[in-house]
PDB file of N, CA and C in Angstrom:
ATOM      1  N   MET A   1     -43.498 169.298 -42.852  1.00  0.00           N
ATOM      2  CA  MET A   1     -44.031 169.673 -41.574  1.00  0.00           C
ATOM      3  C   MET A   1     -45.434 170.245 -41.741  1.00  0.00           C
ATOM      4  N   ARG A   2     -45.609 170.991 -42.791  1.00  0.00           N
ATOM      5  CA  ARG A   2     -46.925 171.594 -43.025  1.00  0.00           C
ATOM      6  C   ARG A   2     -47.997 170.520 -43.144  1.00  0.00           C
ATOM      7  N   GLU A   3     -47.679 169.450 -43.833  1.00  0.00           N
ATOM      8  CA  GLU A   3     -48.667 168.382 -44.022  1.00  0.00           C
ATOM      9  C   GLU A   3     -48.945 167.638 -42.716  1.00  0.00           C
ATOM     10  N   ALA A   4     -47.923 167.436 -41.898  1.00  0.00           N
ATOM     11  CA  ALA A   4     -48.120 166.781 -40.602  1.00  0.00           C
ATOM     12  C   ALA A   4     -48.968 167.665 -39.688  1.00  0.00           C
ATOM     13  N   GLU A   5     -48.711 168.967 -39.719  1.00  0.00           N
ATOM     14  CA  GLU A   5     -49.520 169.893 -38.932  1.00  0.00           C
ATOM     15  C   GLU A   5     -50.956 169.918 -39.440  1.00  0.00           C
ATOM     16  N   ARG A   6     -51.119 169.862 -40.728  1.00  0.00           N
ATOM     17  CA  ARG A   6     -52.468 169.829 -41.324  1.00  0.00           C
ATOM     18  C   ARG A   6     -53.197 168.557 -40.905  1.00  0.00           C
ATOM     19  N   GLY A   7     -52.489 167.446 -40.847  1.00  0.00           N
ATOM     20  CA  GLY A   7     -53.089 166.195 -40.390  1.00  0.00           C
ATOM     21  C   GLY A   7     -53.618 166.311 -38.972  1.00  0.00           C
ATOM     22  N   CYS A   8     -52.885 167.018 -38.118  1.00  0.00           N
ATOM     23  CA  CYS A   8     -53.345 167.259 -36.733  1.00  0.00           C
ATOM     24  C   CYS A   8     -54.586 168.129 -36.727  1.00  0.00           C
ATOM     25  N   ASP A   9     -54.616 169.122 -37.620  1.00  0.00           N
ATOM     26  CA  ASP A   9     -55.790 169.993 -37.695  1.00  0.00           C
ATOM     27  C   ASP A   9     -57.016 169.225 -38.183  1.00  0.00           C
ATOM     28  N   LEU A  10     -56.816 168.365 -39.159  1.00  0.00           N
ATOM     29  CA  LEU A  10     -57.941 167.610 -39.714  1.00  0.00           C
ATOM     30  C   LEU A  10     -58.458 166.537 -38.758  1.00  0.00           C
ATOM     31  N   MET A  11     -57.572 165.987 -37.946  1.00  0.00           N
ATOM     32  CA  MET A  11     -57.975 164.951 -36.993  1.00  0.00           C
ATOM     33  C   MET A  11     -57.734 165.468 -35.580  1.00  0.00           C
ATOM     34  N   ALA A  12     -58.441 166.514 -35.247  1.00  0.00           N
ATOM     35  CA  ALA A  12     -58.300 167.132 -33.924  1.00  0.00           C
ATOM     36  C   ALA A  12     -58.852 166.198 -32.853  1.00  0.00           C
ATOM     37  N   SER A  13     -58.333 166.333 -31.648  1.00  0.00           N
ATOM     38  CA  SER A  13     -58.796 165.468 -30.557  1.00  0.00           C
ATOM     39  C   SER A  13     -60.259 165.723 -30.234  1.00  0.00           C
ATOM     40  N   SER A  14     -60.775 166.885 -30.577  1.00  0.00           N
ATOM     41  CA  SER A  14     -62.196 167.155 -30.355  1.00  0.00           C
ATOM     42  C   SER A  14     -63.078 166.331 -31.296  1.00  0.00           C
ATOM     43  N   LYS A  15     -62.514 165.897 -32.421  1.00  0.00           N
ATOM     44  CA  LYS A  15     -63.259 165.063 -33.364  1.00  0.00           C
ATOM     45  C   LYS A  15     -63.134 163.584 -33.021  1.00  0.00           C
ATOM     46  N   ASP A  16     -61.915 163.150 -32.737  1.00  0.00           N
ATOM     47  CA  ASP A  16     -61.660 161.740 -32.425  1.00  0.00           C
ATOM     48  C   ASP A  16     -60.382 161.661 -31.608  1.00  0.00           C
ATOM     49  N   ALA A  17     -60.546 161.602 -30.294  1.00  0.00           N
ATOM     50  CA  ALA A  17     -59.396 161.665 -29.382  1.00  0.00           C
ATOM     51  C   ALA A  17     -58.404 160.536 -29.623  1.00  0.00           C
ATOM     52  N   TRP A  18     -58.884 159.344 -29.935  1.00  0.00           N
ATOM     53  CA  TRP A  18     -57.997 158.202 -30.137  1.00  0.00           C
ATOM     54  C   TRP A  18     -57.147 158.365 -31.394  1.00  0.00           C
ATOM     55  N   ARG A  19     -57.782 158.664 -32.506  1.00  0.00           N
ATOM     56  CA  ARG A  19     -57.043 158.810 -33.769  1.00  0.00           C
ATOM     57  C   ARG A  19     -56.139 160.036 -33.777  1.00  0.00           C
ATOM     58  N   ALA A  20     -56.527 161.052 -33.035  1.00  0.00           N
ATOM     59  CA  ALA A  20     -55.707 162.265 -32.977  1.00  0.00           C
ATOM     60  C   ALA A  20     -54.325 161.965 -32.401  1.00  0.00           C
ATOM     61  N   LEU A  21     -54.235 160.979 -31.507  1.00  0.00           N
ATOM     62  CA  LEU A  21     -52.941 160.613 -30.932  1.00  0.00           C
ATOM     63  C   LEU A  21     -51.953 160.172 -32.007  1.00  0.00           C
ATOM     64  N   TYR A  22     -52.442 159.471 -33.018  1.00  0.00           N
ATOM     65  CA  TYR A  22     -51.572 159.016 -34.111  1.00  0.00           C
ATOM     66  C   TYR A  22     -51.026 160.207 -34.903  1.00  0.00           C
ATOM     67  N   ARG A  23     -51.881 161.207 -35.143  1.00  0.00           N
ATOM     68  CA  ARG A  23     -51.427 162.386 -35.878  1.00  0.00           C
ATOM     69  C   ARG A  23     -50.414 163.180 -35.062  1.00  0.00           C
ATOM     70  N   LEU A  24     -50.601 163.248 -33.748  1.00  0.00           N
ATOM     71  CA  LEU A  24     -49.635 163.940 -32.901  1.00  0.00           C
ATOM     72  C   LEU A  24     -48.295 163.216 -32.906  1.00  0.00           C
ATOM     73  N   GLU A  25     -48.340 161.895 -32.904  1.00  0.00           N
ATOM     74  CA  GLU A  25     -47.092 161.125 -33.001  1.00  0.00           C
ATOM     75  C   GLU A  25     -46.420 161.374 -34.344  1.00  0.00           C
ATOM     76  N   ASP A  26     -47.210 161.400 -35.409  1.00  0.00           N
ATOM     77  CA  ASP A  26     -46.661 161.680 -36.742  1.00  0.00           C
ATOM     78  C   ASP A  26     -45.968 163.039 -36.775  1.00  0.00           C
ATOM     79  N   LEU A  27     -46.593 164.027 -36.161  1.00  0.00           N
ATOM     80  CA  LEU A  27     -46.010 165.365 -36.136  1.00  0.00           C
ATOM     81  C   LEU A  27     -44.676 165.362 -35.386  1.00  0.00           C
ATOM     82  N   ALA A  28     -44.629 164.696 -34.250  1.00  0.00           N
ATOM     83  CA  ALA A  28     -43.376 164.600 -33.494  1.00  0.00           C
ATOM     84  C   ALA A  28     -42.303 163.880 -34.314  1.00  0.00           C
ATOM     85  N   LEU A  29     -42.695 162.865 -35.034  1.00  0.00           N
ATOM     86  CA  LEU A  29     -41.738 162.123 -35.854  1.00  0.00           C
ATOM     87  C   LEU A  29     -41.207 162.987 -36.996  1.00  0.00           C
ATOM     88  N   VAL A  30     -42.069 163.758 -37.625  1.00  0.00           N
ATOM     89  CA  VAL A  30     -41.621 164.649 -38.697  1.00  0.00           C
ATOM     90  C   VAL A  30     -40.648 165.684 -38.140  1.00  0.00           C
ATOM     91  N   TYR A  31     -40.962 166.257 -36.983  1.00  0.00           N
ATOM     92  CA  TYR A  31     -40.030 167.196 -36.354  1.00  0.00           C
ATOM     93  C   TYR A  31     -38.675 166.519 -36.111  1.00  0.00           C
ATOM     94  N   THR A  32     -38.705 165.272 -35.668  1.00  0.00           N
ATOM     95  CA  THR A  32     -37.468 164.532 -35.424  1.00  0.00           C
ATOM     96  C   THR A  32     -36.691 164.328 -36.726  1.00  0.00           C
ATOM     97  N   MET A  33     -37.396 163.960 -37.767  1.00  0.00           N
ATOM     98  CA  MET A  33     -36.760 163.677 -39.051  1.00  0.00           C
ATOM     99  C   MET A  33     -36.094 164.905 -39.664  1.00  0.00           C
ATOM    100  N   VAL A  34     -36.654 166.080 -39.430  1.00  0.00           N
ATOM    101  CA  VAL A  34     -36.077 167.297 -40.022  1.00  0.00           C
ATOM    102  C   VAL A  34     -35.124 168.002 -39.066  1.00  0.00           C
ATOM    103  N   GLY A  35     -34.862 167.390 -37.919  1.00  0.00           N
ATOM    104  CA  GLY A  35     -33.863 167.917 -36.995  1.00  0.00           C
ATOM    105  C   GLY A  35     -34.353 168.992 -36.049  1.00  0.00           C
ATOM    106  N   GLN A  36     -35.654 169.122 -35.884  1.00  0.00           N
ATOM    107  CA  GLN A  36     -36.204 170.108 -34.957  1.00  0.00           C
ATOM    108  C   GLN A  36     -36.493 169.424 -33.620  1.00  0.00           C
ATOM    109  N   SER A  37     -35.425 169.173 -32.886  1.00  0.00           N
ATOM    110  CA  SER A  37     -35.514 168.411 -31.637  1.00  0.00           C
ATOM    111  C   SER A  37     -36.400 169.072 -30.594  1.00  0.00           C
ATOM    112  N   SER A  38     -36.283 170.370 -30.438  1.00  0.00           N
ATOM    113  CA  SER A  38     -37.076 171.071 -29.423  1.00  0.00           C
ATOM    114  C   SER A  38     -38.572 170.891 -29.679  1.00  0.00           C
ATOM    115  N   GLU A  39     -38.982 171.054 -30.925  1.00  0.00           N
ATOM    116  CA  GLU A  39     -40.385 170.902 -31.270  1.00  0.00           C
ATOM    117  C   GLU A  39     -40.833 169.453 -31.095  1.00  0.00           C
ATOM    118  N   ALA A  40     -39.974 168.521 -31.478  1.00  0.00           N
ATOM    119  CA  ALA A  40     -40.301 167.097 -31.341  1.00  0.00           C
ATOM    120  C   ALA A  40     -40.487 166.728 -29.873  1.00  0.00           C
ATOM    121  N   ILE A  41     -39.588 167.181 -29.027  1.00  0.00           N
ATOM    122  CA  ILE A  41     -39.663 166.846 -27.608  1.00  0.00           C
ATOM    123  C   ILE A  41     -40.887 167.499 -26.967  1.00  0.00           C
ATOM    124  N   ALA A  42     -41.191 168.728 -27.346  1.00  0.00           N
ATOM    125  CA  ALA A  42     -42.395 169.388 -26.828  1.00  0.00           C
ATOM    126  C   ALA A  42     -43.645 168.622 -27.247  1.00  0.00           C
ATOM    127  N   GLN A  43     -43.666 168.158 -28.486  1.00  0.00           N
ATOM    128  CA  GLN A  43     -44.810 167.395 -28.982  1.00  0.00           C
ATOM    129  C   GLN A  43     -44.920 166.061 -28.246  1.00  0.00           C
ATOM    130  N   LEU A  44     -43.803 165.406 -28.019  1.00  0.00           N
ATOM    131  CA  LEU A  44     -43.809 164.135 -27.291  1.00  0.00           C
ATOM    132  C   LEU A  44     -44.269 164.327 -25.846  1.00  0.00           C
ATOM    133  N   ASP A  45     -43.876 165.427 -25.251  1.00  0.00           N
ATOM    134  CA  ASP A  45     -44.312 165.723 -23.881  1.00  0.00           C
ATOM    135  C   ASP A  45     -45.836 165.854 -23.845  1.00  0.00           C
ATOM    136  N   ASP A  46     -46.385 166.575 -24.793  1.00  0.00           N
ATOM    137  CA  ASP A  46     -47.841 166.718 -24.877  1.00  0.00           C
ATOM    138  C   ASP A  46     -48.513 165.369 -25.100  1.00  0.00           C
ATOM    139  N   LEU A  47     -47.938 164.572 -25.964  1.00  0.00           N
ATOM    140  CA  LEU A  47     -48.496 163.260 -26.275  1.00  0.00           C
ATOM    141  C   LEU A  47     -48.462 162.324 -25.071  1.00  0.00           C
ATOM    142  N   LEU A  48     -47.364 162.315 -24.355  1.00  0.00           N
ATOM    143  CA  LEU A  48     -47.245 161.449 -23.183  1.00  0.00           C
ATOM    144  C   LEU A  48     -48.153 161.901 -22.034  1.00  0.00           C
ATOM    145  N   ALA A  49     -48.484 163.172 -21.989  1.00  0.00           N
ATOM    146  CA  ALA A  49     -49.352 163.695 -20.929  1.00  0.00           C
ATOM    147  C   ALA A  49     -50.808 163.271 -21.123  1.00  0.00           C
ATOM    148  N   ARG A  50     -51.142 162.831 -22.308  1.00  0.00           N
ATOM    149  CA  ARG A  50     -52.521 162.415 -22.603  1.00  0.00           C
ATOM    150  C   ARG A  50     -52.724 160.943 -22.272  1.00  0.00           C
ATOM    151  N   SER A  51     -53.957 160.581 -22.043  1.00  0.00           N
ATOM    152  CA  SER A  51     -54.286 159.163 -21.852  1.00  0.00           C
ATOM    153  C   SER A  51     -54.240 158.479 -23.211  1.00  0.00           C
ATOM    154  N   GLY A  52     -53.725 157.282 -23.226  1.00  0.00           N
ATOM    155  CA  GLY A  52     -53.677 156.553 -24.486  1.00  0.00           C
ATOM    156  C   GLY A  52     -52.611 155.484 -24.469  1.00  0.00           C
ATOM    157  N   TRP A  53     -52.342 154.973 -25.619  1.00  0.00           N
ATOM    158  CA  TRP A  53     -51.430 153.840 -25.789  1.00  0.00           C
ATOM    159  C   TRP A  53     -49.969 154.260 -25.804  1.00  0.00           C
ATOM    160  N   PHE A  54     -49.681 155.524 -26.072  1.00  0.00           N
ATOM    161  CA  PHE A  54     -48.305 155.984 -26.219  1.00  0.00           C
ATOM    162  C   PHE A  54     -47.684 156.185 -24.844  1.00  0.00           C
ATOM    163  N   THR A  55     -46.604 155.473 -24.568  1.00  0.00           N
ATOM    164  CA  THR A  55     -45.972 155.527 -23.248  1.00  0.00           C
ATOM    165  C   THR A  55     -44.466 155.787 -23.388  1.00  0.00           C
ATOM    166  N   ALA A  56     -43.846 156.122 -22.272  1.00  0.00           N
ATOM    167  CA  ALA A  56     -42.394 156.322 -22.257  1.00  0.00           C
ATOM    168  C   ALA A  56     -41.674 155.027 -22.611  1.00  0.00           C
ATOM    169  N   HIS A  57     -42.250 153.903 -22.223  1.00  0.00           N
ATOM    170  CA  HIS A  57     -41.640 152.608 -22.540  1.00  0.00           C
ATOM    171  C   HIS A  57     -41.586 152.397 -24.052  1.00  0.00           C
ATOM    172  N   ILE A  58     -42.666 152.692 -24.738  1.00  0.00           N
ATOM    173  CA  ILE A  58     -42.696 152.579 -26.197  1.00  0.00           C
ATOM    174  C   ILE A  58     -41.675 153.542 -26.804  1.00  0.00           C
ATOM    175  N   LEU A  59     -41.647 154.760 -26.284  1.00  0.00           N
ATOM    176  CA  LEU A  59     -40.711 155.771 -26.770  1.00  0.00           C
ATOM    177  C   LEU A  59     -39.266 155.319 -26.589  1.00  0.00           C
ATOM    178  N   ARG A  60     -38.989 154.679 -25.484  1.00  0.00           N
ATOM    179  CA  ARG A  60     -37.638 154.195 -25.179  1.00  0.00           C
ATOM    180  C   ARG A  60     -37.203 153.083 -26.156  1.00  0.00           C
ATOM    181  N   LEU A  61     -38.136 152.248 -26.586  1.00  0.00           N
ATOM    182  CA  LEU A  61     -37.795 151.090 -27.411  1.00  0.00           C
ATOM    183  C   LEU A  61     -37.839 151.351 -28.923  1.00  0.00           C
ATOM    184  N   ASP A  62     -38.604 152.328 -29.346  1.00  0.00           N
ATOM    185  CA  ASP A  62     -38.828 152.564 -30.774  1.00  0.00           C
ATOM    186  C   ASP A  62     -37.606 153.233 -31.406  1.00  0.00           C
ATOM    187  N   PRO A  63     -36.972 152.597 -32.385  1.00  0.00           N
ATOM    188  CA  PRO A  63     -35.759 153.152 -32.996  1.00  0.00           C
ATOM    189  C   PRO A  63     -35.993 154.429 -33.804  1.00  0.00           C
ATOM    190  N   ARG A  64     -37.238 154.757 -34.111  1.00  0.00           N
ATOM    191  CA  ARG A  64     -37.494 155.987 -34.864  1.00  0.00           C
ATOM    192  C   ARG A  64     -37.101 157.231 -34.074  1.00  0.00           C
ATOM    193  N   TRP A  65     -36.997 157.086 -32.754  1.00  0.00           N
ATOM    194  CA  TRP A  65     -36.653 158.227 -31.905  1.00  0.00           C
ATOM    195  C   TRP A  65     -35.154 158.292 -31.599  1.00  0.00           C
ATOM    196  N   ASP A  66     -34.348 157.445 -32.226  1.00  0.00           N
ATOM    197  CA  ASP A  66     -32.905 157.420 -31.984  1.00  0.00           C
ATOM    198  C   ASP A  66     -32.222 158.785 -32.160  1.00  0.00           C
ATOM    199  N   PRO A  67     -32.629 159.607 -33.126  1.00  0.00           N
ATOM    200  CA  PRO A  67     -31.955 160.911 -33.263  1.00  0.00           C
ATOM    201  C   PRO A  67     -32.094 161.813 -32.033  1.00  0.00           C
ATOM    202  N   LEU A  68     -33.069 161.531 -31.176  1.00  0.00           N
ATOM    203  CA  LEU A  68     -33.284 162.359 -29.986  1.00  0.00           C
ATOM    204  C   LEU A  68     -32.594 161.808 -28.741  1.00  0.00           C
ATOM    205  N   ARG A  69     -32.118 160.605 -28.790  1.00  0.00           N
ATOM    206  CA  ARG A  69     -31.634 159.916 -27.588  1.00  0.00           C
ATOM    207  C   ARG A  69     -30.494 160.646 -26.868  1.00  0.00           C
ATOM    208  N   SER A  70     -29.653 161.338 -27.587  1.00  0.00           N
ATOM    209  CA  SER A  70     -28.524 162.022 -26.944  1.00  0.00           C
ATOM    210  C   SER A  70     -28.918 163.373 -26.338  1.00  0.00           C
ATOM    211  N   ASP A  71     -30.125 163.801 -26.586  1.00  0.00           N
ATOM    212  CA  ASP A  71     -30.602 165.083 -26.060  1.00  0.00           C
ATOM    213  C   ASP A  71     -31.022 164.915 -24.600  1.00  0.00           C
ATOM    214  N   PRO A  72     -30.455 165.679 -23.683  1.00  0.00           N
ATOM    215  CA  PRO A  72     -30.817 165.554 -22.266  1.00  0.00           C
ATOM    216  C   PRO A  72     -32.297 165.820 -22.004  1.00  0.00           C
ATOM    217  N   ARG A  73     -32.925 166.647 -22.830  1.00  0.00           N
ATOM    218  CA  ARG A  73     -34.364 166.913 -22.662  1.00  0.00           C
ATOM    219  C   ARG A  73     -35.189 165.670 -22.971  1.00  0.00           C
ATOM    220  N   PHE A  74     -34.725 164.874 -23.932  1.00  0.00           N
ATOM    221  CA  PHE A  74     -35.405 163.619 -24.258  1.00  0.00           C
ATOM    222  C   PHE A  74     -35.261 162.639 -23.100  1.00  0.00           C
ATOM    223  N   GLN A  75     -34.070 162.546 -22.543  1.00  0.00           N
ATOM    224  CA  GLN A  75     -33.848 161.654 -21.403  1.00  0.00           C
ATOM    225  C   GLN A  75     -34.690 162.088 -20.208  1.00  0.00           C
ATOM    226  N   ALA A  76     -34.806 163.388 -19.989  1.00  0.00           N
ATOM    227  CA  ALA A  76     -35.637 163.902 -18.900  1.00  0.00           C
ATOM    228  C   ALA A  76     -37.109 163.559 -19.135  1.00  0.00           C
ATOM    229  N   LEU A  77     -37.526 163.591 -20.382  1.00  0.00           N
ATOM    230  CA  LEU A  77     -38.900 163.234 -20.731  1.00  0.00           C
ATOM    231  C   LEU A  77     -39.179 161.776 -20.404  1.00  0.00           C
ATOM    232  N   LEU A  78     -38.236 160.901 -20.730  1.00  0.00           N
ATOM    233  CA  LEU A  78     -38.399 159.483 -20.412  1.00  0.00           C
ATOM    234  C   LEU A  78     -38.502 159.270 -18.911  1.00  0.00           C
ATOM    235  N   THR A  79     -37.679 159.971 -18.166  1.00  0.00           N
ATOM    236  CA  THR A  79     -37.704 159.852 -16.706  1.00  0.00           C
ATOM    237  C   THR A  79     -39.010 160.404 -16.144  1.00  0.00           C
ATOM    238  N   LYS A  80     -39.460 161.517 -16.674  1.00  0.00           N
ATOM    239  CA  LYS A  80     -40.693 162.158 -16.195  1.00  0.00           C
ATOM    240  C   LYS A  80     -41.903 161.241 -16.315  1.00  0.00           C
ATOM    241  N   TYR A  81     -42.001 160.476 -17.413  1.00  0.00           N
ATOM    242  CA  TYR A  81     -43.180 159.655 -17.677  1.00  0.00           C
ATOM    243  C   TYR A  81     -42.952 158.168 -17.432  1.00  0.00           C
ATOM    244  N   GLU A  82     -41.815 157.831 -16.862  1.00  0.00           N
ATOM    245  CA  GLU A  82     -41.522 156.436 -16.582  1.00  0.00           C
ATOM    246  C   GLU A  82     -42.487 155.904 -15.516  1.00  0.00           C
ATOM    247  N   VAL A  83     -42.981 154.713 -15.734  1.00  0.00           N
ATOM    248  CA  VAL A  83     -43.894 154.094 -14.776  1.00  0.00           C
ATOM    249  C   VAL A  83     -43.067 153.463 -13.668  1.00  0.00           C
ATOM    250  N   LYS A  84     -43.364 153.851 -12.464  1.00  0.00           N
ATOM    251  CA  LYS A  84     -42.647 153.306 -11.300  1.00  0.00           C
ATOM    252  C   LYS A  84     -43.417 152.103 -10.767  1.00  0.00           C
ATOM    253  N   PRO A  85     -42.694 151.016 -10.449  1.00  0.00           N
ATOM    254  CA  PRO A  85     -43.399 149.831  -9.935  1.00  0.00           C
ATOM    255  C   PRO A  85     -43.933 150.026  -8.520  1.00  0.00           C
TER     256      PRO A  85
END
Protein backbone atom coordinates (compact mmCIF):
# COMPACT_ATOMS: atom_id res chain seq x y z
CA MET A 1 0.00 0.00 0.00
CA ARG A 2 2.84 2.34 0.80
CA GLU A 3 4.23 1.99 -2.71
CA ALA A 4 0.82 2.56 -4.33
CA GLU A 5 0.34 5.67 -2.20
CA ARG A 6 3.83 6.83 -3.14
CA GLY A 7 2.95 6.36 -6.81
CA CYS A 8 -0.01 8.71 -6.33
CA ASP A 9 2.27 11.25 -4.67
CA LEU A 10 4.83 11.05 -7.46
CA MET A 11 2.20 11.35 -10.20
CA ALA A 12 -0.10 13.91 -8.66
CA SER A 13 -2.97 15.26 -10.74
CA SER A 14 -1.35 18.69 -10.53
CA LYS A 15 1.58 17.29 -12.53
CA ASP A 16 -0.34 15.18 -15.06
CA ALA A 17 -4.09 14.82 -14.58
CA TRP A 18 -4.44 12.01 -17.13
CA ARG A 19 -1.67 9.76 -15.82
CA ALA A 20 -2.65 10.43 -12.22
CA LEU A 21 -5.93 8.58 -12.88
CA TYR A 22 -3.97 5.37 -13.48
CA ARG A 23 -2.16 5.72 -10.14
CA LEU A 24 -5.46 6.33 -8.35
CA GLU A 25 -6.87 3.18 -9.93
CA ASP A 26 -3.75 1.27 -8.86
CA LEU A 27 -4.23 2.48 -5.29
CA ALA A 28 -7.87 1.36 -5.26
CA LEU A 29 -6.84 -2.01 -6.64
CA VAL A 30 -4.16 -2.48 -3.98
CA TYR A 31 -6.71 -1.63 -1.28
CA THR A 32 -9.02 -4.24 -2.83
CA MET A 33 -6.28 -6.86 -2.95
CA VAL A 34 -5.39 -6.46 0.73
CA GLY A 35 -9.03 -6.52 1.83
CA GLN A 36 -9.47 -2.85 2.71
CA SER A 37 -12.87 -2.47 1.07
CA SER A 38 -13.79 0.85 2.67
CA GLU A 39 -10.61 2.51 1.43
CA ALA A 40 -10.97 0.94 -2.01
CA ILE A 41 -14.56 2.12 -2.40
CA ALA A 42 -13.68 5.63 -1.21
CA GLN A 43 -10.84 5.73 -3.74
CA LEU A 44 -13.12 4.48 -6.52
CA ASP A 45 -15.70 7.12 -5.62
CA ASP A 46 -13.04 9.82 -5.97
CA LEU A 47 -11.85 8.32 -9.24
CA LEU A 48 -15.33 8.11 -10.75
CA ALA A 49 -16.06 11.72 -9.74
CA ARG A 50 -13.21 12.92 -11.96
CA SER A 51 -13.35 13.41 -15.70
CA GLY A 52 -11.60 10.66 -17.58
CA TRP A 53 -11.81 7.21 -19.05
CA PHE A 54 -12.72 5.37 -15.84
CA THR A 55 -16.47 4.77 -15.67
CA ALA A 56 -18.97 2.73 -13.67
CA HIS A 57 -19.45 0.56 -16.75
CA ILE A 58 -15.76 -0.36 -16.79
CA LEU A 59 -15.89 -0.96 -13.04
CA ARG A 60 -18.91 -3.24 -13.47
CA LEU A 61 -17.19 -5.38 -16.13
CA ASP A 62 -13.62 -5.60 -14.82
CA PRO A 63 -13.09 -8.85 -12.86
CA ARG A 64 -10.35 -7.27 -10.73
CA TRP A 65 -13.11 -5.65 -8.67
CA ASP A 66 -14.91 -8.96 -7.95
CA PRO A 67 -13.90 -8.96 -4.25
CA LEU A 68 -15.98 -5.79 -3.79
CA ARG A 69 -19.10 -6.90 -5.65
CA SER A 70 -20.95 -8.23 -2.58
CA ASP A 71 -20.42 -4.98 -0.68
CA PRO A 72 -23.58 -2.82 -0.74
CA ARG A 73 -21.40 0.32 -0.82
CA PHE A 74 -19.84 -0.90 -4.07
CA GLN A 75 -23.27 -1.53 -5.57
CA ALA A 76 -24.37 1.95 -4.47
CA LEU A 77 -21.28 3.39 -6.15
CA LEU A 78 -22.17 1.69 -9.43
CA THR A 79 -25.70 3.05 -9.22
CA LYS A 80 -24.49 6.55 -8.31
CA TYR A 81 -22.26 6.83 -11.41
CA GLU A 82 -24.33 4.79 -13.83
CA VAL A 83 -25.00 6.62 -17.09
CA LYS A 84 -28.71 6.98 -17.70
CA PRO A 85 -29.88 6.88 -21.32
